[in-house]
Protein backbone atom coordinates (compact mmCIF):
# COMPACT_ATOMS: atom_id res chain seq x y z
CA MET A 1 3.14 -29.81 27.65
CA GLU A 2 3.35 -31.24 23.65
CA GLU A 3 6.49 -32.51 22.83
CA PHE A 4 8.26 -30.72 19.95
CA TYR A 5 11.31 -32.32 17.78
CA ALA A 6 14.06 -30.26 16.17
CA LYS A 7 15.97 -30.44 13.31
CA TYR A 8 18.76 -27.92 12.50
CA VAL A 9 18.88 -27.49 8.52
CA SER A 10 21.23 -25.40 7.73
CA GLN A 11 18.50 -22.91 5.96
CA LYS A 12 16.48 -19.52 8.05
CA ILE A 13 12.98 -20.94 6.53
CA SER A 14 10.65 -18.44 5.48
CA LYS A 15 7.29 -20.77 5.17
CA THR A 16 6.08 -24.12 6.34
CA ARG A 17 3.08 -25.59 4.67
CA TRP A 18 1.19 -29.28 5.41
CA ARG A 19 0.52 -31.21 2.29
CA PRO A 20 -3.00 -31.70 2.32
CA VAL A 21 -4.37 -35.28 3.06
CA PRO A 22 -6.95 -36.59 0.41
CA PRO A 23 -11.00 -35.07 1.01
CA GLY A 24 -12.36 -37.63 3.43
CA SER A 25 -9.87 -39.23 4.51
CA LEU A 26 -8.73 -39.95 8.29
CA GLN A 27 -5.27 -39.90 8.14
CA THR A 28 -3.08 -37.68 9.90
CA ALA A 29 -1.01 -35.40 7.56
CA GLU A 30 2.59 -36.38 7.04
CA ILE A 31 3.99 -34.51 4.95
CA PHE A 32 5.00 -30.39 5.13
CA ALA A 33 6.79 -28.00 2.06
CA THR A 34 9.14 -25.63 3.30
CA GLY A 35 10.80 -22.35 1.56
CA SER A 36 13.76 -20.70 2.79
CA TRP A 37 15.31 -16.82 2.28
CA ASP A 38 17.71 -14.71 2.70
CA ASN A 39 20.33 -17.54 1.89
CA GLU A 40 23.01 -18.23 -0.64
CA GLU A 41 20.93 -20.56 -1.94
CA ASN A 42 16.97 -21.04 -1.58
CA TYR A 43 15.28 -24.11 -1.40
CA VAL A 44 11.97 -25.76 -1.46
CA SER A 45 11.79 -29.03 -0.05
CA LEU A 46 9.58 -31.78 0.99
CA TRP A 47 9.92 -33.45 4.44
CA SER A 48 8.26 -36.31 6.44
CA ILE A 49 7.55 -36.28 10.25
CA GLY A 50 8.88 -39.69 10.31
CA ASP A 51 7.06 -42.01 13.29
CA PHE A 52 7.79 -40.26 16.17
CA GLY A 53 8.17 -42.03 19.59
CA ASN A 54 9.23 -45.60 17.71
CA LEU A 55 12.46 -46.86 17.60
CA ASP A 56 14.83 -47.46 14.56
CA SER A 57 17.20 -50.38 13.97
CA ASP A 58 20.09 -48.75 15.92
CA GLY A 59 18.16 -48.06 19.16
CA GLY A 60 17.52 -44.26 18.45
CA PHE A 61 14.44 -42.35 18.15
CA GLU A 62 12.52 -41.77 14.84
CA GLY A 63 11.64 -38.30 15.68
CA ASP A 64 13.54 -36.73 13.28
CA HIS A 65 12.10 -34.79 10.29
CA GLN A 66 13.05 -36.83 7.00
CA LEU A 67 13.96 -35.13 4.01
CA LEU A 68 11.78 -36.68 1.11
CA CYS A 69 13.27 -34.00 -1.77
CA GLY A 70 14.28 -30.37 -2.65
CA THR A 71 15.02 -28.08 -5.52
CA ARG A 72 16.96 -25.02 -5.63
CA HIS A 73 14.77 -21.63 -5.44
CA HIS A 74 15.58 -18.40 -7.68
CA GLY A 75 14.84 -15.66 -4.67
CA ASP A 76 13.58 -15.30 -1.10
CA VAL A 77 10.41 -17.68 -0.89
CA MET A 78 7.84 -14.86 0.09
CA ASP A 79 4.40 -17.37 0.30
CA LEU A 80 4.44 -20.77 -0.01
CA GLN A 81 1.21 -23.07 -0.91
CA PHE A 82 -0.46 -26.66 -1.87
CA PHE A 83 -2.34 -26.06 -5.11
CA ASP A 84 -2.59 -29.98 -4.66
CA GLN A 85 -1.87 -33.34 -3.37
CA GLU A 86 1.08 -33.02 -6.64
CA ARG A 87 1.62 -29.47 -7.02
CA MET A 88 2.38 -26.31 -5.13
CA VAL A 89 2.53 -22.94 -6.02
CA ALA A 90 6.14 -20.77 -4.58
CA ALA A 91 5.80 -16.85 -4.63
CA SER A 92 9.22 -15.14 -5.48
CA SER A 93 11.02 -12.14 -4.14
CA THR A 94 12.18 -11.76 -7.94
CA GLY A 95 8.97 -11.62 -8.92
CA CYS A 96 8.62 -15.15 -10.41
CA VAL A 97 5.74 -17.33 -9.69
CA THR A 98 6.21 -21.13 -9.93
CA VAL A 99 4.68 -24.40 -9.67
CA PHE A 100 6.29 -26.91 -8.24
CA LEU A 101 4.99 -31.00 -9.38
CA TYR A 102 5.93 -33.47 -6.40
CA ARG A 103 6.22 -37.31 -7.69
CA PRO A 104 5.96 -39.56 -4.39
CA ASN A 105 6.88 -42.68 -6.93
CA ASN A 106 10.80 -41.49 -6.89
CA GLN A 107 10.49 -38.53 -4.65
CA THR A 108 11.07 -35.61 -7.24
CA LEU A 109 10.49 -31.89 -6.88
CA SER A 110 10.21 -29.97 -10.25
CA VAL A 111 9.31 -27.38 -12.24
CA SER A 112 5.83 -27.93 -13.74
CA GLN A 113 5.02 -24.27 -14.99
CA GLN A 114 6.29 -20.85 -14.30
CA TRP A 115 5.75 -17.38 -14.80
CA THR A 116 8.81 -15.12 -14.50
CA ALA A 117 7.98 -11.98 -14.61
CA ALA A 118 4.53 -11.98 -12.85
CA HIS A 119 5.39 -8.95 -10.79
CA HIS A 120 7.76 -5.91 -12.37
CA HIS A 121 7.67 -2.21 -11.94
CA THR A 122 7.04 -0.43 -15.07
CA GLY A 123 7.21 3.55 -16.00
CA LEU A 124 9.27 6.07 -15.01
CA GLY A 125 12.37 5.69 -12.83
CA SER A 126 13.00 2.17 -13.47
CA PRO A 127 14.17 0.28 -15.96
CA SER A 128 12.43 -1.09 -18.92
CA CYS A 129 10.73 -3.95 -16.69
CA SER A 130 12.83 -4.31 -13.34
CA SER A 131 11.91 -6.97 -10.73
CA ALA A 132 9.12 -6.32 -7.95
CA PRO A 133 8.51 -9.28 -5.27
CA CYS A 134 5.60 -10.98 -5.45
CA THR A 135 4.42 -11.19 -1.61
CA GLY A 136 1.58 -13.56 -1.58
CA VAL A 137 0.07 -16.38 -3.18
CA VAL A 138 -3.44 -18.12 -2.99
CA CYS A 139 -4.78 -21.34 -4.99
CA SER A 140 -8.26 -22.68 -5.63
CA ASN A 141 -8.34 -25.26 -8.73
CA PRO A 142 -7.85 -24.17 -10.80
CA ASP A 143 -7.27 -20.68 -10.12
CA ILE A 144 -4.10 -19.19 -8.48
CA VAL A 145 -4.25 -15.70 -7.35
CA THR A 146 -0.72 -13.41 -6.53
CA VAL A 147 -0.37 -9.97 -5.17
CA GLY A 148 3.01 -8.36 -4.98
CA GLU A 149 4.88 -5.04 -4.48
CA ASP A 150 3.95 -3.70 -8.37
CA GLY A 151 0.36 -3.17 -6.52
CA ARG A 152 -0.80 -6.13 -9.05
CA ILE A 153 -3.29 -8.74 -8.18
CA ASN A 154 -2.97 -11.54 -11.28
CA LEU A 155 -4.96 -14.22 -11.78
CA PHE A 156 -3.71 -17.11 -13.40
CA ARG A 157 -4.45 -20.75 -14.10
CA VAL A 158 -2.25 -23.76 -14.60
CA ASP A 159 -2.74 -24.51 -18.49
CA HIS A 160 -2.08 -20.66 -19.52
CA LYS A 161 0.98 -19.77 -20.14
CA GLU A 162 0.10 -15.81 -19.69
CA ALA A 163 -2.38 -14.12 -16.34
CA VAL A 164 -5.75 -14.27 -17.22
CA ARG A 165 -6.40 -11.33 -15.89
CA THR A 166 -4.67 -8.45 -14.09
CA ILE A 167 -6.07 -5.93 -11.14
CA VAL A 168 -4.74 -2.17 -9.23
CA TRP A 169 -2.30 -0.84 -12.34
CA GLU A 170 -0.81 1.88 -10.33
CA VAL A 171 -0.72 2.83 -6.55
CA HIS A 172 0.30 6.09 -5.52
CA PHE A 173 0.04 7.75 -1.92
CA HIS A 174 -0.25 11.84 -2.44
CA PRO A 175 3.32 13.30 -2.12
CA SER A 176 2.64 15.59 0.45
CA ASN A 177 -0.99 14.35 2.81
CA PRO A 178 -0.18 10.30 2.90
CA ASP A 179 -3.26 10.04 4.41
CA HIS A 180 -4.59 9.90 0.54
CA LEU A 181 -4.05 6.61 -1.24
CA PHE A 182 -4.82 6.42 -5.42
CA THR A 183 -5.44 3.57 -7.31
CA CYS A 184 -6.03 2.97 -10.95
CA SER A 185 -6.94 -0.77 -12.37
CA GLU A 186 -7.60 -2.58 -15.82
CA ASP A 187 -10.98 -2.88 -15.02
CA GLY A 188 -11.48 0.69 -15.64
CA SER A 189 -11.74 2.20 -11.82
CA LEU A 190 -9.94 5.52 -10.13
CA TRP A 191 -10.06 5.22 -6.44
CA HIS A 192 -9.51 7.72 -4.17
CA TRP A 193 -8.65 5.64 -0.54
CA ASP A 194 -8.96 8.39 2.33
CA ALA A 195 -7.65 7.42 5.91
CA SER A 196 -8.09 11.06 7.08
CA THR A 197 -11.66 11.07 7.97
CA ASP A 198 -13.12 10.63 11.41
CA VAL A 199 -16.51 8.11 10.43
CA PRO A 200 -18.36 6.58 13.50
CA GLU A 201 -18.46 2.94 14.15
CA LYS A 202 -20.44 0.42 11.95
CA SER A 203 -20.55 -3.02 12.43
CA SER A 204 -19.52 -4.14 8.87
CA LEU A 205 -16.14 -3.95 7.37
CA PHE A 206 -17.31 -1.88 4.20
CA TYR A 207 -20.25 0.20 4.19
CA GLN A 208 -21.76 3.07 2.14
CA GLY A 209 -20.90 6.53 2.42
CA GLY A 210 -22.45 8.46 -0.34
CA ARG A 211 -23.18 7.47 -4.30
CA ASN A 212 -19.87 6.97 -4.82
CA SER A 213 -17.77 6.25 -1.91
CA THR A 214 -17.37 3.28 0.70
CA PHE A 215 -16.02 2.77 3.64
CA LEU A 216 -13.50 0.57 5.28
CA SER A 217 -11.90 -0.48 8.84
CA HIS A 218 -8.66 -0.52 9.70
CA SER A 219 -9.06 -3.64 11.49
CA PHE A 220 -7.03 -5.18 8.79
CA SER A 221 -3.99 -3.78 9.56
CA ASN A 222 -4.46 -4.44 13.72
CA GLN A 223 -1.22 -6.36 13.27
CA ALA A 224 1.33 -3.66 12.95
CA VAL A 225 3.63 -2.61 15.24
CA VAL A 226 4.69 0.83 14.98
CA HIS A 227 7.20 2.98 17.14
CA GLN A 228 5.43 5.53 18.81
CA SER A 229 6.80 8.32 16.68
CA LEU A 230 5.21 6.98 13.50
CA LYS A 231 1.87 8.40 12.98
CA SER A 232 -0.13 6.94 9.98
CA SER A 233 -3.57 6.27 9.89
CA TRP A 234 -2.63 3.20 7.65
CA LEU A 235 -1.23 1.58 10.36
CA SER A 236 -3.50 2.01 12.80
CA THR A 237 -3.71 -0.94 15.59
CA ASP A 238 -7.11 0.36 16.76
CA PRO A 239 -9.58 -0.72 14.63
CA ALA A 240 -12.37 1.44 15.96
CA LYS A 241 -10.44 4.66 16.05
CA ASP A 242 -9.97 5.15 11.84
CA ARG A 243 -12.09 4.02 9.15
CA ILE A 244 -11.11 4.51 5.46
CA GLU A 245 -13.33 6.52 2.73
CA ILE A 246 -12.79 5.18 -0.38
CA THR A 247 -14.45 7.33 -3.49
CA SER A 248 -15.02 6.42 -7.30
CA LEU A 249 -13.17 9.44 -8.96
CA LEU A 250 -14.55 8.94 -12.57
CA PRO A 251 -18.16 9.45 -13.16
CA ASN A 252 -18.50 6.59 -15.17
CA ARG A 253 -16.68 2.68 -15.70
CA THR A 254 -14.40 2.80 -18.58
CA LEU A 255 -11.69 0.82 -20.25
CA SER A 256 -8.31 -0.25 -18.58
CA VAL A 257 -7.20 2.96 -16.72
CA ASN A 258 -3.12 2.32 -17.20
CA SER A 259 -1.54 5.57 -15.22
CA LEU A 260 -2.50 7.96 -12.89
CA ASP A 261 0.00 10.87 -11.07
CA VAL A 262 -1.21 13.49 -8.55
CA LEU A 263 0.47 16.30 -7.41
CA GLY A 264 -1.18 19.18 -5.38
CA PRO A 265 -4.95 19.44 -6.11
CA CYS A 266 -4.55 17.83 -9.28
CA LEU A 267 -4.29 14.50 -10.90
CA VAL A 268 -4.49 13.59 -14.64
CA CYS A 269 -4.99 9.86 -15.40
CA GLY A 270 -5.06 7.92 -19.06
CA THR A 271 -6.67 5.23 -20.27
CA ASP A 272 -7.54 2.39 -22.86
CA ALA A 273 -10.63 4.59 -24.32
CA GLU A 274 -8.28 7.19 -25.22
CA ALA A 275 -9.20 9.66 -23.09
CA ILE A 276 -6.96 11.97 -20.72
CA TYR A 277 -8.52 12.73 -17.61
CA VAL A 278 -7.79 15.90 -15.76
CA THR A 279 -9.28 17.47 -12.03
CA ARG A 280 -7.64 20.37 -10.22
CA GLN A 281 -10.43 19.81 -7.41
CA LEU A 282 -9.16 16.57 -5.65
CA PHE A 283 -9.94 17.78 -2.41
CA SER A 284 -13.15 20.25 -2.69
C-alpha cells in the first residue's frame, strides 16, 4: 500500500491542482495549489511536497507539505486551474474570475488580472446585477473559458479586460413540464431540449434526428446520485435509457437572441435583429 502524508491546514479544501512541469521535462511534480471554501476567510495557496522520507536537521522526517505562499480569495473557490507555470485561474462563488501570478524568486502570489462580474444574474426578479457563482474554468493559452450558474459560457483572454465572447443568454425549464428546457444565445440560436423522448440507442453522443434536431446521450450525467423519489430525465444514471432531442426553433440564424419566456404551449423571444418571435404551438 502506498504511504500517504497528511497535514492539517485548518481550511476546508475545495480544489487541488498540481503545478505543471516544463514541457519535455523528466522531473516529477513538486508544487501543488489549493483553494478553500466554506471558511470565514478563503485562500488560494501553493505548497511544496518536500523531500519525503529524508531526515531533516532535527532528526524528523521531511514529509510535511510546506506552504510556499498564499493569498486571500473572496468567496468560495469553485474551480482552480493552472494557466501556465506562473499563472493560475480561480473561479469564485461571487461570480468573479481571477488570474493569480506566482513569483518563485520571492515566493509570492498576487492578483494579475480579474473579471469581477464574469457571471451575474439580470432581469425580472433580480437586482440590476446580482452575482452568480462561476462553477468551472478551463485554460488553453491564451484562452480562458468559464461557466456559471447564470447559464453563460464566457471566453476570456489574459490580455483583454472584457470577455471576448459570451454564449447560452437565458435558460428556462418549462414551468409545468421540466423535461423540456429552452435556451437562447448570443450566436442567434434558440433551442428546445426535450428529455421526454424515448430514442433508440445510437453509438455516438450526438446524432441527427431530423433536419433541425439532434439527439444527445444522457451518459454525461451518470455521476448524479438521486433519491429514488426524484424522477427526472436530466438526472438519469442509465446512459442507455434516455436521450435528449435538441431542436432549433428559429427557421434561420439571426443576431443575438437575448431573452425568452415559456408558458404552456407559448414561447416569446426578443433579438438584436429588432424582432420579437412568438409561437403558440411549441408541442404540436
